């Protein structure tokens, strides 16, 4: 497992888009945890947009594995330590969402009425895709798909559940 911050990833691959950076680092290392997602990076853009009132952008990240079937990185989990009163205030200010501070959840966090928490989850269907080497999530979970998607999958010999 390789750990890298979103800024270090930009520094390593400055000419690539965020998705291309994820693919490059995953292809190189196989399994990667990209940390600190949400802040504006040195080139003036974010690696990925994150809500200011969810994870602390300094204490979050995404777990990605290289998927040779798709020839790209596959995000298996997004996780982080949830905002505390300090990170919530700072992130609301950065995002220009200061008005949210009066909402019930936000007020409770800012007044320390809620416990500190962590969160995130494992994408069970994505893990199944990875280990079963499937190209489409519809091969491991049933759903309703648009006709165009069904036709495209059939043309590529992908059997949807």
Protein backbone atom coordinates (compact mmCIF):
# COMPACT_ATOMS: atom_id res chain seq x y z
CA UNK A 1 0.00 0.00 0.00
CA UNK A 2 1.38 3.37 -1.04
CA UNK A 3 0.29 6.47 0.87
CA UNK A 4 0.43 9.84 -0.90
CA UNK A 5 -1.26 13.19 -0.38
CA UNK A 6 -3.24 14.81 -3.15
CA UNK A 7 -0.59 17.58 -3.30
CA UNK A 8 2.27 15.06 -3.58
CA UNK A 9 0.32 13.33 -6.32
CA UNK A 10 -0.01 16.61 -8.22
CA UNK A 11 3.72 17.29 -7.72
CA UNK A 12 4.54 13.84 -9.11
CA UNK A 13 2.25 14.14 -12.15
CA UNK A 14 1.76 17.90 -12.76
CA UNK A 15 0.61 17.55 -16.37
CA UNK A 16 -2.15 15.00 -15.70
CA UNK A 17 -5.80 15.45 -14.69
CA UNK A 18 -6.83 14.16 -11.24
CA UNK A 19 -8.24 10.92 -12.72
CA UNK A 20 -5.12 10.44 -14.84
CA UNK A 21 -2.96 11.00 -11.73
CA UNK A 22 -4.97 8.35 -9.86
CA UNK A 23 -4.58 5.92 -12.74
CA UNK A 24 -0.83 6.55 -13.04
CA UNK A 25 -0.11 6.06 -9.33
CA UNK A 26 -2.36 2.97 -9.15
CA UNK A 27 -0.72 1.41 -12.19
CA UNK A 28 2.71 2.07 -10.69
CA UNK A 29 1.98 0.79 -7.16
CA UNK A 30 -1.13 -1.42 -7.38
CA UNK A 31 -2.77 -0.18 -4.18
CA UNK A 32 -2.82 3.47 -3.11
CA UNK A 33 -4.35 5.61 -0.39
CA UNK A 34 -4.64 9.24 -1.52
CA UNK A 35 -4.82 11.52 1.51
CA UNK A 36 -6.03 15.09 2.09
CA UNK A 37 -8.73 15.47 -0.53
CA UNK A 38 -10.80 18.66 -0.62
CA UNK A 39 -8.40 21.59 -0.30
CA UNK A 40 -7.29 23.68 -3.25
CA UNK A 41 -3.85 22.48 -4.40
CA UNK A 42 -0.81 24.52 -5.44
CA UNK A 43 -2.05 24.89 -9.03
CA UNK A 44 -5.32 26.46 -7.88
CA UNK A 45 -7.62 23.46 -8.33
CA UNK A 46 -8.90 20.66 -6.08
CA UNK A 47 -8.02 17.02 -6.63
CA UNK A 48 -11.70 16.24 -6.10
CA UNK A 49 -14.61 18.16 -4.64
CA UNK A 50 -15.61 17.30 -1.10
CA UNK A 51 -18.39 18.74 1.02
CA UNK A 52 -17.11 21.19 3.66
CA UNK A 53 -19.31 19.66 6.36
CA UNK A 54 -18.42 15.99 6.07
CA UNK A 55 -14.80 14.84 6.42
CA UNK A 56 -11.93 16.96 7.67
CA UNK A 57 -10.02 17.55 4.43
CA UNK A 58 -6.73 17.10 6.31
CA UNK A 59 -7.78 13.71 7.67
CA UNK A 60 -9.50 11.92 4.79
CA UNK A 61 -8.64 9.90 1.74
CA UNK A 62 -9.55 7.40 -0.93
CA UNK A 63 -8.38 3.80 -1.26
CA UNK A 64 -7.77 2.78 -4.87
CA UNK A 65 -6.54 -0.42 -6.50
CA UNK A 66 -5.26 -0.91 -10.03
CA UNK A 67 -7.89 -2.76 -12.05
CA UNK A 68 -6.28 -4.46 -15.07
CA UNK A 69 -9.68 -5.35 -16.55
CA UNK A 70 -10.59 -1.67 -16.84
CA UNK A 71 -6.98 -0.52 -17.24
CA UNK A 72 -7.62 2.10 -14.57
CA UNK A 73 -7.69 2.74 -10.86
CA UNK A 74 -10.78 1.55 -9.00
CA UNK A 75 -11.88 3.36 -5.84
CA UNK A 76 -12.80 0.80 -3.19
CA UNK A 77 -13.33 3.15 -0.27
CA UNK A 78 -13.51 6.79 0.73
CA UNK A 79 -12.98 7.45 4.40
CA UNK A 80 -12.02 10.04 6.92
CA UNK A 81 -12.29 11.60 10.31
CA UNK A 82 -15.43 13.70 10.35
CA UNK A 83 -15.30 17.43 10.89
CA UNK A 84 -14.84 18.79 14.39
CA UNK A 85 -15.79 22.32 15.39
CA UNK A 86 -12.49 23.79 14.14
CA UNK A 87 -12.33 22.00 10.79
CA UNK A 88 -16.03 22.62 10.13
CA UNK A 89 -15.66 26.36 10.69
CA UNK A 90 -12.52 26.56 8.55
CA UNK A 91 -13.97 24.49 5.71
CA UNK A 92 -17.29 26.37 5.69
CA UNK A 93 -15.29 29.61 5.41
CA UNK A 94 -13.11 28.25 2.58
CA UNK A 95 -16.18 26.99 0.71
CA UNK A 96 -18.15 30.20 1.23
CA UNK A 97 -20.87 28.29 3.06
CA UNK A 98 -20.78 30.14 6.38
CA UNK A 99 -24.60 30.34 6.37
CA UNK A 100 -24.74 26.59 7.05
CA UNK A 101 -23.36 27.18 10.55
CA UNK A 102 -26.89 27.90 11.79
CA UNK A 103 -28.29 24.56 10.60
CA UNK A 104 -29.03 22.01 13.37
CA UNK A 105 -26.23 19.54 12.56
CA UNK A 106 -23.67 22.26 12.00
CA UNK A 107 -24.65 24.07 15.21
CA UNK A 108 -24.33 20.83 17.15
CA UNK A 109 -20.82 20.22 15.78
CA UNK A 110 -19.75 23.82 16.40
CA UNK A 111 -21.12 23.71 19.98
CA UNK A 112 -19.39 20.35 20.65
CA UNK A 113 -22.78 18.69 21.28
CA UNK A 114 -21.91 15.71 19.07
CA UNK A 115 -19.12 13.17 19.58
CA UNK A 116 -16.15 13.09 17.26
CA UNK A 117 -16.55 10.38 14.65
CA UNK A 118 -14.88 8.63 11.76
CA UNK A 119 -16.59 7.34 8.68
CA UNK A 120 -16.33 5.74 5.34
CA UNK A 121 -17.24 2.47 3.85
CA UNK A 122 -16.08 -0.31 1.67
CA UNK A 123 -17.70 -0.51 -1.73
CA UNK A 124 -18.77 -4.16 -1.56
CA UNK A 125 -19.78 -4.32 -5.22
CA UNK A 126 -16.52 -2.69 -6.28
CA UNK A 127 -14.55 -5.21 -4.23
CA UNK A 128 -16.47 -7.98 -5.96
CA UNK A 129 -15.70 -6.38 -9.33
CA UNK A 130 -12.02 -6.25 -8.42
CA UNK A 131 -11.63 -9.81 -7.15
CA UNK A 132 -13.88 -11.35 -9.80
CA UNK A 133 -12.19 -9.24 -12.50
CA UNK A 134 -15.41 -7.78 -13.87
CA UNK A 135 -15.67 -4.77 -16.17
CA UNK A 136 -19.11 -3.49 -15.12
CA UNK A 137 -20.71 -3.17 -11.70
CA UNK A 138 -23.86 -4.74 -13.19
CA UNK A 139 -21.96 -8.04 -13.35
CA UNK A 140 -21.90 -8.22 -9.53
CA UNK A 141 -25.08 -6.37 -8.48
CA UNK A 142 -28.51 -6.29 -10.00
CA UNK A 143 -30.04 -3.01 -11.05
CA UNK A 144 -32.06 -1.36 -13.77
CA UNK A 145 -29.96 -0.14 -16.69
CA UNK A 146 -30.86 2.12 -19.61
CA UNK A 147 -31.36 0.34 -22.93
CA UNK A 148 -28.24 1.97 -24.37
CA UNK A 149 -26.13 0.57 -21.49
CA UNK A 150 -27.60 -2.91 -21.94
CA UNK A 151 -26.87 -2.81 -25.67
CA UNK A 152 -23.30 -1.61 -25.07
CA UNK A 153 -22.70 -4.37 -22.52
CA UNK A 154 -24.15 -7.02 -24.86
CA UNK A 155 -21.90 -5.76 -27.67
CA UNK A 156 -18.91 -6.22 -25.35
CA UNK A 157 -20.05 -9.65 -24.08
CA UNK A 158 -20.73 -8.28 -20.60
CA UNK A 159 -23.56 -10.14 -18.87
CA UNK A 160 -25.57 -7.91 -16.55
CA UNK A 161 -27.42 -9.42 -13.59
